[in-house]
Protein backbone atom coordinates (compact mmCIF):
# COMPACT_ATOMS: atom_id res chain seq x y z
CA UNK A 1 -17.72 -8.62 1.95
CA UNK A 2 -14.30 -7.88 0.45
CA UNK A 3 -13.99 -5.10 -2.10
CA UNK A 4 -12.76 -6.21 -5.51
CA UNK A 5 -9.56 -4.18 -6.10
CA UNK A 6 -10.41 -3.95 -9.81
CA UNK A 7 -13.58 -2.06 -8.90
CA UNK A 8 -12.09 0.41 -6.44
CA UNK A 9 -13.32 4.01 -6.72
CA UNK A 10 -15.86 3.06 -9.39
CA UNK A 11 -17.80 6.26 -8.60
CA UNK A 12 -14.92 8.42 -9.83
CA UNK A 13 -14.33 9.08 -13.55
CA UNK A 14 -12.07 6.49 -15.13
CA UNK A 15 -9.32 8.98 -15.92
CA UNK A 16 -8.95 10.09 -12.30
CA UNK A 17 -9.41 6.58 -10.96
CA UNK A 18 -6.67 5.21 -13.19
CA UNK A 19 -4.38 8.11 -12.29
CA UNK A 20 -4.69 7.78 -8.52
CA UNK A 21 -4.23 3.99 -8.61
CA UNK A 22 -1.26 4.27 -10.97
CA UNK A 23 0.42 6.91 -8.82
CA UNK A 24 -0.17 4.88 -5.67
CA UNK A 25 1.22 1.70 -7.21
CA UNK A 26 4.31 3.58 -8.41
CA UNK A 27 4.89 5.13 -5.02
CA UNK A 28 4.32 1.81 -3.21
CA UNK A 29 6.62 -0.11 -5.54
CA UNK A 30 9.42 2.44 -5.11
CA UNK A 31 9.01 2.27 -1.33
CA UNK A 32 8.99 -1.53 -1.20
CA UNK A 33 12.10 -1.67 -3.39
CA UNK A 34 13.91 0.77 -1.09
CA UNK A 35 14.04 3.62 -3.62
CA UNK A 36 13.35 6.28 -1.02
CA UNK A 37 13.96 9.31 -3.26
CA UNK A 38 11.62 8.05 -5.97
CA UNK A 39 8.95 7.12 -3.44
CA UNK A 40 8.98 10.67 -2.08
CA UNK A 41 9.13 12.18 -5.56
CA UNK A 42 6.10 10.19 -6.74
CA UNK A 43 4.17 11.59 -3.78
CA UNK A 44 3.92 15.01 -5.48
CA UNK A 45 1.91 13.69 -8.40
CA UNK A 46 -0.19 11.52 -6.07
CA UNK A 47 -1.05 14.63 -4.04
CA UNK A 48 -2.19 16.53 -7.12
CA UNK A 49 -4.48 13.71 -8.25
CA UNK A 50 -5.85 13.26 -4.71
CA UNK A 51 -6.57 17.00 -4.47
CA UNK A 52 -8.43 16.87 -7.80
CA UNK A 53 -10.60 14.01 -6.53
CA UNK A 54 -11.40 15.72 -3.22
CA UNK A 55 -12.16 19.02 -4.95
CA UNK A 56 -14.35 17.29 -7.53
CA UNK A 57 -16.31 15.41 -4.88
CA UNK A 58 -16.93 18.60 -2.91
CA UNK A 59 -17.76 20.64 -5.99
CA UNK A 60 -20.16 18.04 -7.35
CA UNK A 61 -18.32 17.76 -10.66
CA UNK A 62 -15.15 15.82 -11.47
CA UNK A 63 -12.78 16.84 -14.26
CA UNK A 64 -11.82 13.96 -16.58
CA UNK A 65 -8.17 14.05 -15.49
CA UNK A 66 -6.07 15.64 -12.76
CA UNK A 67 -4.30 18.98 -12.93
CA UNK A 68 -1.99 20.85 -10.58
CA UNK A 69 -3.70 23.77 -8.84
CA UNK A 70 -1.79 27.02 -8.42
CA UNK A 71 -0.36 27.47 -4.91
CA UNK A 72 -1.08 23.89 -3.85
CA UNK A 73 -1.16 24.47 -0.05
CA UNK A 74 -3.61 27.37 -0.44
CA UNK A 75 -5.81 25.32 -2.76
CA UNK A 76 -5.96 22.50 -0.19
CA UNK A 77 -6.78 24.89 2.64
CA UNK A 78 -9.57 26.41 0.54
CA UNK A 79 -11.42 23.10 0.45
CA UNK A 80 -12.69 23.77 3.96
CA UNK A 81 -14.93 26.52 2.52
CA UNK A 82 -16.60 24.20 0.00
CA UNK A 83 -20.26 23.30 0.55
CA UNK A 84 -20.77 20.19 2.69
CA UNK A 85 -20.46 16.92 0.80
CA UNK A 86 -23.22 14.31 1.01
CA UNK A 87 -20.67 11.69 2.14
CA UNK A 88 -17.20 11.88 3.64
CA UNK A 89 -17.47 15.60 4.31
CA UNK A 90 -15.11 15.87 7.29
CA UNK A 91 -12.48 13.75 5.61
CA UNK A 92 -12.72 15.43 2.19
CA UNK A 93 -12.79 19.03 3.43
CA UNK A 94 -10.46 18.82 6.45
CA UNK A 95 -8.47 15.66 7.06
CA UNK A 96 -7.29 14.73 3.57
CA UNK A 97 -6.33 18.32 2.57
CA UNK A 98 -4.25 18.74 5.73
CA UNK A 99 -2.39 15.49 5.07
CA UNK A 100 -1.84 16.46 1.43
CA UNK A 101 -0.17 19.74 2.42
CA UNK A 102 2.32 17.92 4.64
CA UNK A 103 3.10 15.31 1.98
CA UNK A 104 3.60 17.96 -0.68
CA UNK A 105 5.93 19.91 1.56
CA UNK A 106 8.14 16.83 2.10
CA UNK A 107 8.34 16.41 -1.66
CA UNK A 108 9.28 20.07 -2.24
CA UNK A 109 11.60 20.89 0.65
CA UNK A 110 13.51 17.72 1.55
CA UNK A 111 15.92 17.55 -1.40
CA UNK A 112 13.48 15.36 -3.31
CA UNK A 113 11.81 17.48 -5.97
CA UNK A 114 14.47 20.16 -6.32
CA UNK A 115 18.22 20.62 -6.25
CA UNK A 116 19.59 22.25 -3.10
CA UNK A 117 17.22 20.96 -0.44
CA UNK A 118 18.60 20.95 3.07
CA UNK A 119 17.86 17.29 3.90
CA UNK A 120 18.51 14.27 1.70
CA UNK A 121 15.53 11.98 1.05
CA UNK A 122 15.69 8.94 3.29
CA UNK A 123 13.72 6.03 4.66
CA UNK A 124 11.97 8.24 7.22
CA UNK A 125 10.64 10.64 4.59
CA UNK A 126 9.58 7.84 2.26
CA UNK A 127 7.79 6.05 5.11
CA UNK A 128 5.89 9.22 5.95
CA UNK A 129 4.67 9.87 2.41
CA UNK A 130 3.87 6.20 1.71
CA UNK A 131 1.87 5.83 4.93
CA UNK A 132 -0.03 9.02 4.21
CA UNK A 133 -0.75 7.98 0.61
CA UNK A 134 -2.03 4.62 1.80
CA UNK A 135 -4.30 6.31 4.36
CA UNK A 136 -5.65 8.82 1.81
CA UNK A 137 -6.44 6.12 -0.73
CA UNK A 138 -8.14 4.03 1.96
CA UNK A 139 -10.21 7.08 2.94
CA UNK A 140 -11.32 7.50 -0.67
CA UNK A 141 -12.31 3.83 -0.76
CA UNK A 142 -14.14 4.14 2.56
CA UNK A 143 -16.00 7.28 1.48
CA UNK A 144 -16.96 6.24 -2.03
CA UNK A 145 -17.80 2.63 -1.12
CA UNK A 146 -19.48 3.47 2.22
CA UNK A 147 -17.48 0.70 3.88
CA UNK A 148 -15.50 0.28 7.06
CA UNK A 149 -11.98 1.56 7.60
CA UNK A 150 -10.65 -2.00 7.93
CA UNK A 151 -12.28 -3.17 4.70
CA UNK A 152 -10.99 -0.09 2.87
CA UNK A 153 -7.44 -0.61 4.17
CA UNK A 154 -7.48 -4.29 3.17
CA UNK A 155 -8.61 -3.35 -0.33
CA UNK A 156 -5.77 -0.85 -0.67
CA UNK A 157 -3.22 -3.38 0.63
CA UNK A 158 -4.35 -5.83 -2.05
CA UNK A 159 -3.39 -3.36 -4.80
CA UNK A 160 0.35 -3.89 -4.44
CA UNK A 161 2.28 -7.09 -4.04
CA UNK A 162 5.85 -7.10 -2.78
CA UNK A 163 8.09 -8.21 -5.61
CA UNK A 164 11.04 -10.43 -4.77
CA UNK A 165 13.22 -11.73 -7.65
CA UNK A 166 13.74 -15.10 -5.97
CA UNK A 167 9.98 -15.80 -6.15
CA UNK A 168 8.64 -17.13 -9.43
CA UNK A 169 4.91 -16.60 -10.01
CA UNK A 170 2.74 -17.98 -12.78
CA UNK A 171 -0.96 -18.84 -13.18
CA UNK A 172 -1.69 -18.13 -9.54
CA UNK A 173 1.14 -20.30 -8.23
CA UNK A 174 4.41 -19.32 -6.58
CA UNK A 175 7.75 -20.98 -6.03
CA UNK A 176 10.90 -19.93 -4.16
CA UNK A 177 13.78 -20.41 -6.57
CA UNK A 178 16.24 -21.69 -3.99
CA UNK A 179 15.93 -25.44 -3.33
CA UNK A 180 18.41 -25.23 -0.45
CA UNK A 181 16.42 -22.65 1.51
CA UNK A 182 14.74 -23.86 4.70
CA UNK A 183 10.99 -24.40 4.67
CA UNK A 184 10.56 -21.71 7.33
CA UNK A 185 12.36 -19.09 5.25
CA UNK A 186 10.43 -20.14 2.15
CA UNK A 187 7.18 -19.66 4.07
CA UNK A 188 8.28 -16.19 5.22
CA UNK A 189 9.27 -15.13 1.71
CA UNK A 190 5.99 -16.38 0.25
CA UNK A 191 3.90 -14.65 2.93
CA UNK A 192 5.94 -11.47 2.43
CA UNK A 193 4.98 -11.48 -1.26
CA UNK A 194 1.27 -11.38 -0.41
CA UNK A 195 -0.47 -8.31 1.05
CA UNK A 196 -3.20 -10.28 2.82
CA UNK A 197 -3.92 -13.65 4.44
CA UNK A 198 -2.82 -16.82 2.62
CA UNK A 199 -4.61 -20.12 3.04
CA UNK A 200 -2.31 -22.62 4.75
CA UNK A 201 -3.16 -25.23 2.12
CA UNK A 202 -2.04 -22.79 -0.59
CA UNK A 203 1.13 -21.87 1.32
CA UNK A 204 1.98 -25.54 1.77
CA UNK A 205 1.60 -26.09 -1.97
CA UNK A 206 3.73 -23.05 -2.83
CA UNK A 207 6.48 -24.18 -0.44
CA UNK A 208 6.34 -27.73 -1.90
CA UNK A 209 6.29 -29.27 1.56
CA UNK A 210 5.34 -32.93 1.30
CA UNK A 211 3.46 -33.36 4.59
CA UNK A 212 0.72 -30.77 5.29
CA UNK A 213 0.33 -31.56 9.00
CA UNK A 214 4.09 -31.49 9.57
CA UNK A 215 4.29 -28.19 7.68
CA UNK A 216 1.76 -26.67 10.04
CA UNK A 217 3.33 -28.15 13.18
CA UNK A 218 7.07 -27.89 12.52
CA UNK A 219 7.27 -24.88 10.19
CA UNK A 220 4.36 -22.51 10.78
CA UNK A 221 3.84 -23.02 14.52
CA UNK A 222 7.45 -22.06 15.45
CA UNK A 223 7.21 -19.00 13.17
CA UNK A 224 4.03 -17.98 14.97
CA UNK A 225 5.66 -18.57 18.39
CA UNK A 226 8.49 -16.25 17.31
CA UNK A 227 5.90 -13.62 16.29
CA UNK A 228 7.15 -13.71 12.70
CA UNK A 229 3.72 -14.69 11.39
CA UNK A 230 0.15 -14.81 12.65
CA UNK A 231 -2.02 -17.90 12.30
CA UNK A 232 -5.81 -17.67 12.12
CA UNK A 233 -7.35 -21.04 12.95
CA UNK A 234 -10.85 -19.96 11.90
CA UNK A 235 -9.64 -18.91 8.44
CA UNK A 236 -7.01 -21.66 8.31
CA UNK A 237 -4.70 -18.95 7.02
CA UNK A 238 -1.40 -17.22 7.78
CA UNK A 239 -0.21 -13.61 7.58
CA UNK A 240 3.29 -12.22 7.97
CA UNK A 241 3.89 -9.89 10.92
CA UNK A 242 5.97 -6.69 11.04
CA UNK A 243 8.78 -8.73 12.63
CA UNK A 244 8.55 -11.20 9.78
CA UNK A 245 8.65 -8.43 7.20
CA UNK A 246 11.75 -6.99 8.86
CA UNK A 247 13.49 -10.38 8.82
CA UNK A 248 12.70 -10.91 5.13
CA UNK A 249 13.78 -7.43 4.05
CA UNK A 250 16.96 -7.24 6.16
CA UNK A 251 18.14 -10.85 5.96
CA UNK A 252 16.49 -13.05 3.35
CA UNK A 253 16.20 -10.66 0.40
CA UNK A 254 19.71 -9.30 0.93
CA UNK A 255 21.16 -12.80 0.84
CA UNK A 256 19.01 -13.99 -2.04
């Protein structure tokens, strides 16, 4: 059963839950929009909130809101000496703290959080911190919901939608605001804007394609053959692939 994104981390105090989700959304949005420096910068605050959650879970008592511990790397390393947690012990005491230290170091030493760093923030750094933040949040979901890694990752992916100015969204519907664009490119843009699978019937409606069977055969099938999307016959749904994402972000959005 899918996890309702609005109920993620319900076992954590509201203040901390709202903070970690807000920081993740900010980081993810900056990354998706290509603002590499801001994506890396936001990682520092995300790390501090994530540390507070891990420490609270291991200590058996959560503070109402997050705070920055003194000597962040040492504080993370000290979590290994906490008493065993009833759930998620290995992840909370060892894996997450180690990842947090690396993320925090990127923020502090790669010309992101301070003037005079030796390396300018770039796509590589932002990809590292965003991927790590996504993994950490999925681990929290997995631990606190006692669910599978796949279900936790899908729930985290559903938190953030890719925003593209050319797509108009209202009342659950979407339209591509370029009547001259090909149906295939419209389908790619629409799938790119969704973090999970989209029902083909819904996609056909969003693309305003008049013939549903032709849409499937002449638009979606060639995209799937080119590995730009994946089609799931059992779900009757489509999902954009990494190749499709690259095409949208390097070609379609730039020209929109």
